Amino acid sequence: MTLPSGFIETADALPLHIVSKSTYSTWLQTQPSHVQHWLSAQRFDASAGSLQTWADAQGQLAAAVAGVEDTLDPYAYAHIPRALPDAHWRAEGEALNDDARHALQLGWGLGLYRFSRYKTHKTPDVHLLGPFDPEIFNVLAACLRVRDLVNTPTEHMGPDELEAVARSVANTHGAQLSVIAGDALLTHNYPAIHAVGRASHRAPRLLELTWGDTTHPHIAICGKGVCFDTGGLDLKAAAGMRNMKKDMGGAAHALALAELIMAQQLPLRLTLLIPAVENAVGPNAFRPGEVVSTRKGVSVEIDNTDAEGRMVLCDTLTRACELKPDVLLDFATLTGAARVALGPDLPALYANDEALANDWLSAGTQARDPLWRMPLWRPYLRYLTSGIADLANASNTTMAGSVTAALYLERFVDEGQRWAHVDVYAWNDSDRPGRPAGGEAMSLRAAYAMLKARAEA
């Protein structure tokens, strides 16, 4: 097993004691008197997110203690690697069962991450001693894949480059990738994807990756791949456009989840579908008031060109339903309304199946990767009424924006098809331990845990 940076399989290592506020007093009584006096002088109390080191009698670095409250939360440990002096470390603590050690290892890797494609960051020369489960590193790699994809500017992560990443992943895991691009989208009946992406000098495309044994349960995963969103002719203000390289965050999640499933060889049959486009402004950009046809045959009046994600997803979901998967999931950075409702950290989950929703929510709780279920309140379909088409792509009211977006997507999901949609921010607005500002994986670990449990049932 090749270890990521920051981990080591065998070495002499210093003890890193993991304690909580409730166990600290008992633990402290087991330590030498000079350690007790030192920690008291430093006013260390094992608060969550705290860390303190001490030296031996010769003044050499001897050990460290870290305060952790929830031992199963990876982010509870994420402050540790950047706060420690450079050394090899072995974790110790009564609460460190296998699950807690896995959380520590994942949090260690998340805490060390910095996006370094364009700027060199000083990386601490700290290493956590094993043993390790390869699954933890595959999960870590998936989370960092999302971060890297979302953090990469559109000049280097447009539809072509997203296709290249998908092709590399397919080649690594023996999957098949088919691509329909440019005007071929019209020939193959993906008119909504084409409409959104046609104004860009970079051809829109639909990526379809397939993998797995046809006798295994079939999972279809879709991800919104709008590599940059100007808002189209309904142009975003500068502040709203600033971070729109992240509007392919749904595709990043879908691709990373698919890669994780393949890396772990879960007994699933997988279809990954990514509509990769750039919503640009140009002479042939789709316009407000236009009526766009869709793969499903539903006509859509364009109320707002900035509601483009649901347009590319509606053709994609239609294609996914044609394959009749056992479960259909989609990830999308779909609405600002979801952030108003739930804030940046909590993705909004919509589902038409109670068991699927409950499984994902439960997995999120156990993995400390939470989601919050929102209602598919179908009376709000009235907000998407069009006078000249079957449906409008957006509402003329500011109310229930995330709900109406999910209802729009549901219109393109076949009756009886188990489906769940996550409206995810995919971004950290500021630096926190283990969560540097920039792209972020949210609900990914929960989705993987849910699918793994289903695969092994």
Protein backbone atom coordinates (compact mmCIF):
# COMPACT_ATOMS: atom_id res chain seq x y z
CA MET A 1 0.00 0.00 0.00
CA THR A 2 1.37 3.41 -0.99
CA LEU A 3 0.88 5.84 1.87
CA PRO A 4 -0.14 9.46 1.30
CA SER A 5 2.03 12.24 2.62
CA GLY A 6 1.76 12.58 6.39
CA PHE A 7 1.53 8.86 7.18
CA ILE A 8 4.16 6.24 7.97
CA GLU A 9 3.82 2.49 8.47
CA THR A 10 6.77 1.79 10.76
CA ALA A 11 9.08 4.13 12.67
CA ASP A 12 10.06 5.25 16.11
CA ALA A 13 7.34 7.65 17.13
CA LEU A 14 6.43 9.97 19.97
CA PRO A 15 3.20 9.42 21.91
CA LEU A 16 0.21 11.57 20.96
CA HIS A 17 -2.37 11.26 23.73
CA ILE A 18 -6.00 11.71 22.71
CA VAL A 19 -8.21 12.83 25.60
CA SER A 20 -11.50 14.59 26.18
CA LYS A 21 -12.51 17.07 28.85
CA SER A 22 -14.37 14.33 30.69
CA THR A 23 -11.41 11.92 30.72
CA TYR A 24 -8.61 14.45 31.09
CA SER A 25 -8.47 14.55 34.89
CA THR A 26 -8.19 10.78 35.17
CA TRP A 27 -5.56 10.62 32.43
CA LEU A 28 -3.55 13.46 34.00
CA GLN A 29 -3.20 11.52 37.26
CA THR A 30 -1.32 8.80 35.37
CA GLN A 31 1.33 11.22 34.10
CA PRO A 32 4.65 12.11 35.80
CA SER A 33 4.54 15.07 38.13
CA HIS A 34 6.60 17.32 35.84
CA VAL A 35 4.05 16.74 33.05
CA GLN A 36 1.18 17.53 35.41
CA HIS A 37 2.86 20.76 36.50
CA TRP A 38 3.65 21.76 32.94
CA LEU A 39 0.12 21.20 31.64
CA SER A 40 -1.29 23.06 34.61
CA ALA A 41 1.05 25.98 33.95
CA GLN A 42 -0.09 26.02 30.32
CA ARG A 43 -3.74 26.00 31.48
CA PHE A 44 -4.41 23.02 29.27
CA ASP A 45 -7.88 21.59 29.94
CA ALA A 46 -8.43 19.24 26.94
CA SER A 47 -11.00 21.51 25.33
CA ALA A 48 -12.01 20.41 21.86
CA GLY A 49 -9.42 21.62 19.37
CA SER A 50 -6.63 22.09 21.93
CA LEU A 51 -3.10 20.67 21.83
CA GLN A 52 -0.05 20.86 24.05
CA THR A 53 3.45 19.38 23.85
CA TRP A 54 6.12 18.86 26.49
CA ALA A 55 9.81 17.99 26.72
CA ASP A 56 11.81 15.41 28.61
CA ALA A 57 14.50 16.16 31.21
CA GLN A 58 17.04 16.83 28.47
CA GLY A 59 14.78 19.38 26.78
CA GLN A 60 13.95 17.05 23.89
CA LEU A 61 10.42 16.84 22.52
CA ALA A 62 8.77 14.01 24.43
CA ALA A 63 5.02 13.83 23.79
CA ALA A 64 1.81 15.72 23.07
CA VAL A 65 -1.78 15.68 24.21
CA ALA A 66 -4.79 16.72 22.12
CA GLY A 67 -8.30 17.54 23.21
CA VAL A 68 -11.00 15.76 21.18
CA GLU A 69 -14.67 15.69 22.11
CA ASP A 70 -16.29 13.50 19.46
CA THR A 71 -13.81 10.70 18.75
CA LEU A 72 -15.75 9.53 15.68
CA ASP A 73 -15.67 12.91 13.94
CA PRO A 74 -12.70 13.22 11.54
CA TYR A 75 -12.76 17.00 11.83
CA ALA A 76 -12.31 16.73 15.61
CA TYR A 77 -8.72 15.68 14.87
CA ALA A 78 -8.04 17.97 11.93
CA HIS A 79 -6.31 20.64 14.04
CA ILE A 80 -3.64 18.21 15.23
CA PRO A 81 -1.17 17.74 12.34
CA ARG A 82 -0.61 21.45 11.75
CA ALA A 83 -0.26 22.20 15.45
CA LEU A 84 2.33 19.50 16.17
CA PRO A 85 6.09 19.92 15.84
CA ASP A 86 7.72 18.00 13.00
CA ALA A 87 8.11 14.37 14.12
CA HIS A 88 6.64 10.89 13.82
CA TRP A 89 3.65 10.39 16.12
CA ARG A 90 1.69 7.40 17.42
CA ALA A 91 -1.82 7.97 18.74
CA GLU A 92 -2.76 6.65 22.18
CA GLY A 93 -5.94 6.83 24.19
CA GLU A 94 -8.58 4.65 25.82
CA ALA A 95 -11.25 5.90 23.42
CA LEU A 96 -9.25 5.04 20.29
CA ASN A 97 -11.08 1.96 19.06
CA ASP A 98 -10.89 1.03 15.37
CA ASP A 99 -13.60 3.50 14.33
CA ALA A 100 -11.96 6.33 16.24
CA ARG A 101 -8.56 5.52 14.73
CA HIS A 102 -10.09 5.62 11.25
CA ALA A 103 -11.62 9.00 12.05
CA LEU A 104 -8.24 10.23 13.31
CA GLN A 105 -6.47 9.06 10.17
CA LEU A 106 -9.04 10.67 7.90
CA GLY A 107 -8.98 13.90 9.91
CA TRP A 108 -5.17 13.91 9.81
CA GLY A 109 -5.20 13.78 6.02
CA LEU A 110 -7.92 16.40 5.72
CA GLY A 111 -6.02 18.65 8.11
CA LEU A 112 -2.83 18.48 6.05
CA TYR A 113 -4.51 19.33 2.73
CA ARG A 114 -3.73 22.53 0.87
CA PHE A 115 -4.43 23.20 -2.80
CA SER A 116 -0.95 23.57 -4.26
CA ARG A 117 -1.31 23.60 -8.04
CA TYR A 118 -0.39 27.27 -8.34
CA LYS A 119 1.10 28.19 -4.97
CA THR A 120 3.58 26.37 -2.78
CA HIS A 121 2.43 25.81 0.78
CA LYS A 122 4.67 24.79 3.64
CA THR A 123 3.66 21.28 4.62
CA PRO A 124 4.47 20.15 8.16
CA ASP A 125 6.91 17.24 8.29
CA VAL A 126 4.64 15.29 10.62
CA HIS A 127 3.76 11.63 10.14
CA LEU A 128 1.12 9.50 11.82
CA LEU A 129 2.11 5.93 12.56
CA GLY A 130 -0.07 3.06 11.30
CA PRO A 131 -1.47 0.44 10.98
CA PHE A 132 -3.86 1.65 8.31
CA ASP A 133 -6.88 0.34 6.45
CA PRO A 134 -6.60 1.04 2.70
CA GLU A 135 -10.27 2.03 2.65
CA ILE A 136 -9.49 5.10 4.75
CA PHE A 137 -7.00 6.31 2.17
CA ASN A 138 -9.49 5.70 -0.65
CA VAL A 139 -12.09 7.75 1.22
CA LEU A 140 -9.50 10.47 1.86
CA ALA A 141 -8.50 10.45 -1.81
CA ALA A 142 -12.15 10.90 -2.82
CA CYS A 143 -12.56 13.90 -0.52
CA LEU A 144 -9.35 15.47 -1.82
CA ARG A 145 -10.39 14.73 -5.41
CA VAL A 146 -13.47 16.89 -4.87
CA ARG A 147 -11.40 19.67 -3.36
CA ASP A 148 -8.85 19.64 -6.17
CA LEU A 149 -11.46 19.60 -8.94
CA VAL A 150 -13.49 22.42 -7.42
CA ASN A 151 -10.44 24.54 -6.58
CA THR A 152 -9.03 24.36 -10.11
CA PRO A 153 -9.97 27.46 -12.15
CA THR A 154 -12.09 26.99 -15.24
CA GLU A 155 -9.19 27.72 -17.59
CA HIS A 156 -7.77 24.38 -16.44
CA MET A 157 -11.05 22.61 -15.56
CA GLY A 158 -13.45 23.21 -18.42
CA PRO A 159 -15.57 20.54 -20.12
CA ASP A 160 -12.52 19.14 -21.98
CA GLU A 161 -10.45 18.84 -18.82
CA LEU A 162 -13.34 17.33 -16.83
CA GLU A 163 -13.68 14.75 -19.57
CA ALA A 164 -9.95 14.05 -19.34
CA VAL A 165 -10.22 13.42 -15.59
CA ALA A 166 -13.17 11.09 -16.12
CA ARG A 167 -11.24 9.23 -18.83
CA SER A 168 -8.24 8.82 -16.56
CA VAL A 169 -10.44 7.44 -13.78
CA ALA A 170 -12.14 5.08 -16.22
CA ASN A 171 -8.81 3.81 -17.53
CA THR A 172 -7.48 3.26 -14.00
CA HIS A 173 -10.43 1.12 -12.95
CA GLY A 174 -11.31 -0.66 -16.18
CA ALA A 175 -14.50 1.31 -16.80
CA GLN A 176 -15.91 2.41 -20.14
CA LEU A 177 -16.42 6.08 -20.97
CA SER A 178 -18.56 7.39 -23.82
CA VAL A 179 -18.82 11.08 -24.71
CA ILE A 180 -21.40 12.95 -26.78
CA ALA A 181 -20.18 16.49 -27.52
CA GLY A 182 -21.14 19.62 -29.43
CA ASP A 183 -23.91 19.43 -32.01
CA ALA A 184 -23.96 15.64 -31.61
CA LEU A 185 -25.97 16.36 -28.45
CA LEU A 186 -28.81 17.46 -30.73
CA THR A 187 -28.44 14.39 -32.93
CA HIS A 188 -28.62 12.15 -29.86
CA ASN A 189 -31.49 14.11 -28.29
CA TYR A 190 -29.90 16.05 -25.46
CA PRO A 191 -31.26 19.49 -26.42
CA ALA A 192 -31.28 21.07 -22.95
CA ILE A 193 -27.61 20.28 -22.33
CA HIS A 194 -26.79 21.72 -25.75
CA ALA A 195 -28.82 24.87 -25.16
CA VAL A 196 -26.99 25.75 -21.96
CA GLY A 197 -23.50 25.11 -23.33
CA ARG A 198 -23.79 26.24 -26.94
CA ALA A 199 -22.56 29.81 -26.39
CA SER A 200 -19.17 28.72 -25.07
CA HIS A 201 -16.12 28.17 -27.26
CA ARG A 202 -15.77 24.91 -25.32
CA ALA A 203 -18.22 22.32 -26.62
CA PRO A 204 -20.82 21.04 -24.16
CA ARG A 205 -20.86 17.30 -23.63
CA LEU A 206 -22.40 14.40 -21.76
CA LEU A 207 -19.97 11.99 -20.10
CA GLU A 208 -21.26 8.47 -19.42
CA LEU A 209 -19.05 6.07 -17.49
CA THR A 210 -20.09 2.46 -16.92
CA TRP A 211 -18.48 -0.14 -14.66
CA GLY A 212 -19.26 -3.36 -12.84
CA ASP A 213 -20.97 -6.71 -13.09
CA THR A 214 -24.40 -6.59 -14.70
CA THR A 215 -25.70 -9.02 -12.06
CA HIS A 216 -25.02 -6.55 -9.26
CA PRO A 217 -27.43 -3.80 -8.10
CA HIS A 218 -27.33 -0.88 -10.51
CA ILE A 219 -26.53 2.58 -9.14
CA ALA A 220 -26.73 5.67 -11.36
CA ILE A 221 -24.96 8.81 -10.15
CA CYS A 222 -25.42 12.18 -11.87
CA GLY A 223 -23.49 15.38 -11.20
CA LYS A 224 -24.01 18.93 -12.38
CA GLY A 225 -20.90 19.84 -14.36
CA VAL A 226 -21.28 23.55 -15.09
CA CYS A 227 -17.59 24.37 -15.26
CA PHE A 228 -18.28 28.09 -15.09
CA ASP A 229 -21.57 29.88 -14.65
CA THR A 230 -21.79 33.51 -15.73
CA GLY A 231 -25.53 33.34 -15.28
CA GLY A 232 -25.89 33.58 -19.04
CA LEU A 233 -27.80 36.56 -20.38
CA ASP A 234 -29.32 36.94 -16.91
CA LEU A 235 -25.80 37.86 -15.92
CA LYS A 236 -24.67 37.39 -12.34
CA ALA A 237 -23.29 40.35 -10.40
CA ALA A 238 -19.52 40.29 -9.86
CA ALA A 239 -19.79 39.03 -6.28
CA GLY A 240 -22.06 36.18 -7.35
CA MET A 241 -19.83 35.20 -10.26
CA ARG A 242 -16.54 35.30 -8.37
CA ASN A 243 -16.47 31.66 -7.28
CA MET A 244 -18.44 30.10 -10.12
CA LYS A 245 -15.57 27.80 -10.99
CA LYS A 246 -17.18 25.74 -8.22
CA ASP A 247 -20.43 25.24 -10.14
CA MET A 248 -19.14 21.85 -11.24
CA GLY A 249 -19.04 20.79 -7.60
CA GLY A 250 -21.85 18.32 -8.17
CA ALA A 251 -19.87 16.65 -10.95
CA ALA A 252 -16.81 16.58 -8.68
CA HIS A 253 -18.81 14.77 -6.00
CA ALA A 254 -20.33 12.31 -8.47
CA LEU A 255 -16.98 11.52 -10.07
CA ALA A 256 -15.19 11.12 -6.73
CA LEU A 257 -17.96 8.86 -5.40
CA ALA A 258 -17.82 6.71 -8.53
CA GLU A 259 -14.03 6.51 -8.25
CA LEU A 260 -14.32 5.46 -4.59
CA ILE A 261 -16.86 2.74 -5.41
CA MET A 262 -14.55 1.36 -8.08
CA ALA A 263 -11.43 1.62 -5.93
CA GLN A 264 -13.18 -0.36 -3.19
CA GLN A 265 -14.58 -2.85 -5.71
CA LEU A 266 -18.05 -2.64 -4.20
CA PRO A 267 -20.39 -5.26 -5.68
CA LEU A 268 -22.39 -2.69 -7.62
CA ARG A 269 -23.02 -1.92 -11.26
CA LEU A 270 -22.29 1.75 -11.78
CA THR A 271 -23.34 4.38 -14.28
CA LEU A 272 -21.89 7.87 -13.88
CA LEU A 273 -23.46 10.69 -15.91
CA ILE A 274 -21.97 14.19 -16.04
CA PRO A 275 -23.27 16.99 -18.27
CA ALA A 276 -20.15 19.15 -18.68
CA VAL A 277 -20.83 22.66 -19.97
CA GLU A 278 -19.91 26.30 -19.57
CA ASN A 279 -22.82 28.72 -19.23
CA ALA A 280 -21.33 31.57 -21.25
CA VAL A 281 -22.57 34.80 -22.81
CA GLY A 282 -22.43 34.98 -26.61
CA PRO A 283 -24.45 35.66 -29.75
CA ASN A 284 -26.09 32.22 -29.58
CA ALA A 285 -26.63 32.04 -25.82
CA PHE A 286 -30.02 30.72 -24.81
CA ARG A 287 -32.37 33.55 -23.92
CA PRO A 288 -35.04 34.39 -21.35
CA GLY A 289 -38.45 33.61 -22.80
CA GLU A 290 -37.11 30.91 -25.11
CA VAL A 291 -38.80 27.50 -25.10
CA VAL A 292 -36.30 24.65 -24.94
CA SER A 293 -37.17 21.05 -25.68
CA THR A 294 -35.82 18.28 -23.47
CA ARG A 295 -34.94 14.64 -23.88
CA LYS A 296 -38.10 13.65 -22.02
CA GLY A 297 -40.27 15.63 -24.44
CA VAL A 298 -41.23 18.20 -21.80
CA SER A 299 -41.06 21.74 -23.16
CA VAL A 300 -39.44 24.28 -20.83
CA GLU A 301 -39.81 28.04 -20.94
CA ILE A 302 -36.65 29.82 -19.83
CA ASP A 303 -37.62 32.14 -17.02
CA ASN A 304 -34.00 32.71 -16.03
CA THR A 305 -30.79 31.65 -17.79
CA ASP A 306 -29.09 31.48 -14.40
CA ALA A 307 -31.25 28.45 -13.59
CA GLU A 308 -29.08 26.44 -15.95
CA GLY A 309 -28.06 23.56 -13.69
CA ARG A 310 -31.53 22.07 -13.67
CA MET A 311 -31.58 22.36 -17.46
CA VAL A 312 -28.51 20.19 -17.98
CA LEU A 313 -29.62 17.80 -15.25
CA CYS A 314 -33.09 17.25 -16.67
CA ASP A 315 -31.71 15.62 -19.83
CA THR A 316 -29.20 13.71 -17.70
CA LEU A 317 -31.81 12.38 -15.28
CA THR A 318 -33.98 11.33 -18.22
CA ARG A 319 -31.08 9.33 -19.62
CA ALA A 320 -30.41 7.77 -16.22
CA CYS A 321 -34.05 6.68 -15.88
CA GLU A 322 -33.90 5.02 -19.28
CA LEU A 323 -31.30 2.67 -17.79
CA LYS A 324 -33.71 1.73 -14.99
CA PRO A 325 -31.19 1.72 -12.12
CA ASP A 326 -32.10 0.38 -8.71
CA VAL A 327 -31.11 3.74 -7.20
CA LEU A 328 -30.55 7.14 -8.83
CA LEU A 329 -28.56 9.84 -7.03
CA ASP A 330 -27.65 13.32 -8.17
CA PHE A 331 -25.37 15.99 -6.74
CA ALA A 332 -25.61 19.65 -7.73
CA THR A 333 -24.54 23.09 -6.59
CA LEU A 334 -28.06 24.02 -7.56
CA THR A 335 -29.43 26.94 -5.53
CA GLY A 336 -28.41 29.77 -3.27
CA ALA A 337 -31.77 29.23 -1.58
CA ALA A 338 -30.49 26.00 -0.02
CA ARG A 339 -27.67 27.99 1.56
CA VAL A 340 -30.11 30.57 2.88
CA ALA A 341 -32.17 27.79 4.43
CA LEU A 342 -29.40 25.57 5.80
CA GLY A 343 -26.15 27.54 5.63
CA PRO A 344 -22.94 26.50 3.89
CA ASP A 345 -22.13 23.31 5.82
CA LEU A 346 -25.39 21.38 5.57
CA PRO A 347 -26.42 19.97 2.17
CA ALA A 348 -30.13 19.77 1.40
CA LEU A 349 -31.41 16.26 0.69
CA TYR A 350 -34.53 15.61 -1.36
CA ALA A 351 -35.81 12.09 -1.99
CA ASN A 352 -38.91 10.39 -3.31
CA ASP A 353 -38.24 7.20 -1.33
CA GLU A 354 -38.41 7.06 2.46
CA ALA A 355 -35.97 4.18 2.89
CA LEU A 356 -33.38 5.81 0.61
CA ALA A 357 -33.67 9.13 2.43
CA ASN A 358 -33.45 7.53 5.87
CA ASP A 359 -30.47 5.40 4.87
CA TRP A 360 -28.56 8.43 3.62
CA LEU A 361 -29.44 10.52 6.68
CA SER A 362 -28.46 7.70 9.03
CA ALA A 363 -25.17 7.16 7.20
CA GLY A 364 -24.49 10.89 7.44
CA THR A 365 -25.03 10.86 11.18
CA GLN A 366 -22.76 7.86 11.70
CA ALA A 367 -20.03 9.21 9.39
CA ARG A 368 -20.28 12.73 10.86
CA ASP A 369 -21.05 13.92 7.31
CA PRO A 370 -24.52 15.37 7.85
CA LEU A 371 -27.35 16.27 5.51
CA TRP A 372 -30.78 17.72 6.21
CA ARG A 373 -33.89 16.47 4.48
CA MET A 374 -36.06 19.04 2.74
CA PRO A 375 -39.60 18.48 1.46
CA LEU A 376 -40.68 17.78 -2.09
CA TRP A 377 -43.73 19.96 -1.45
CA ARG A 378 -45.56 19.40 -4.70
CA PRO A 379 -48.10 22.24 -4.32
CA TYR A 380 -45.14 24.55 -5.06
CA LEU A 381 -45.08 23.24 -8.61
CA ARG A 382 -47.46 26.13 -9.23
CA TYR A 383 -44.42 28.40 -9.07
CA LEU A 384 -43.06 26.68 -12.20
CA THR A 385 -46.16 27.19 -14.33
CA SER A 386 -45.61 28.47 -17.87
CA GLY A 387 -48.28 29.94 -20.10
CA ILE A 388 -46.64 28.69 -23.30
CA ALA A 389 -44.70 25.54 -22.30
CA ASP A 390 -45.15 22.49 -20.10
CA LEU A 391 -42.89 23.94 -17.42
CA ALA A 392 -40.86 27.02 -16.52
CA ASN A 393 -37.27 26.55 -15.45
CA ALA A 394 -37.53 29.01 -12.56
CA SER A 395 -40.01 30.86 -10.45
CA ASN A 396 -40.94 34.52 -10.40
CA THR A 397 -41.05 34.41 -6.58
CA THR A 398 -38.16 34.31 -4.15
CA MET A 399 -39.91 31.75 -1.95
CA ALA A 400 -38.92 28.06 -1.70
CA GLY A 401 -36.20 28.33 -4.31
CA SER A 402 -34.44 25.10 -3.35
CA VAL A 403 -37.73 23.20 -3.14
CA THR A 404 -38.92 24.37 -6.55
CA ALA A 405 -35.55 23.44 -8.09
CA ALA A 406 -35.87 19.93 -6.67
CA LEU A 407 -39.46 19.71 -7.92
CA TYR A 408 -38.27 20.69 -11.37
CA LEU A 409 -35.76 17.82 -11.33
CA GLU A 410 -38.38 15.39 -10.04
CA ARG A 411 -40.49 16.13 -13.13
CA PHE A 412 -37.81 14.29 -15.13
CA VAL A 413 -37.59 11.25 -12.84
CA ASP A 414 -39.77 8.33 -13.89
CA GLU A 415 -42.59 7.28 -11.60
CA GLY A 416 -41.39 4.44 -9.39
CA GLN A 417 -37.72 5.29 -9.81
CA ARG A 418 -35.96 5.57 -6.42
CA TRP A 419 -34.19 8.92 -6.51
CA ALA A 420 -32.38 11.30 -4.19
CA HIS A 421 -31.00 14.75 -4.94
CA VAL A 422 -28.44 16.68 -2.89
CA ASP A 423 -28.17 20.46 -3.23
CA VAL A 424 -24.60 20.98 -2.01
CA TYR A 425 -22.45 24.08 -1.56
CA ALA A 426 -19.13 22.25 -2.18
CA TRP A 427 -17.22 25.17 -0.70
CA ASN A 428 -15.69 26.55 2.50
CA ASP A 429 -15.96 30.32 2.75
CA SER A 430 -13.19 30.58 5.34
CA ASP A 431 -10.37 28.55 6.89
CA ARG A 432 -11.14 26.15 9.70
CA PRO A 433 -9.10 23.16 10.90
CA GLY A 434 -9.36 20.51 8.21
CA ARG A 435 -11.56 22.77 6.12
CA PRO A 436 -9.36 25.24 4.23
CA ALA A 437 -11.15 27.93 2.26
CA GLY A 438 -12.15 26.60 -1.14
CA GLY A 439 -13.65 23.40 -2.51
CA GLU A 440 -15.10 20.87 -0.10
CA ALA A 441 -16.62 17.39 -0.19
CA MET A 442 -19.99 17.34 1.58
CA SER A 443 -22.27 14.30 1.93
CA LEU A 444 -19.77 12.23 -0.09
CA ARG A 445 -18.66 10.03 2.81
CA ALA A 446 -22.28 9.56 3.80
CA ALA A 447 -23.26 8.54 0.28
CA TYR A 448 -20.42 6.03 0.14
CA ALA A 449 -21.33 4.52 3.52
CA MET A 450 -24.97 4.22 2.43
CA LEU A 451 -24.10 2.53 -0.86
CA LYS A 452 -21.59 0.24 0.80
CA ALA A 453 -24.21 -0.90 3.31
CA ARG A 454 -26.68 -1.54 0.48
CA ALA A 455 -24.08 -3.44 -1.53
CA GLU A 456 -23.25 -5.68 1.42
CA ALA A 457 -26.84 -6.28 2.52
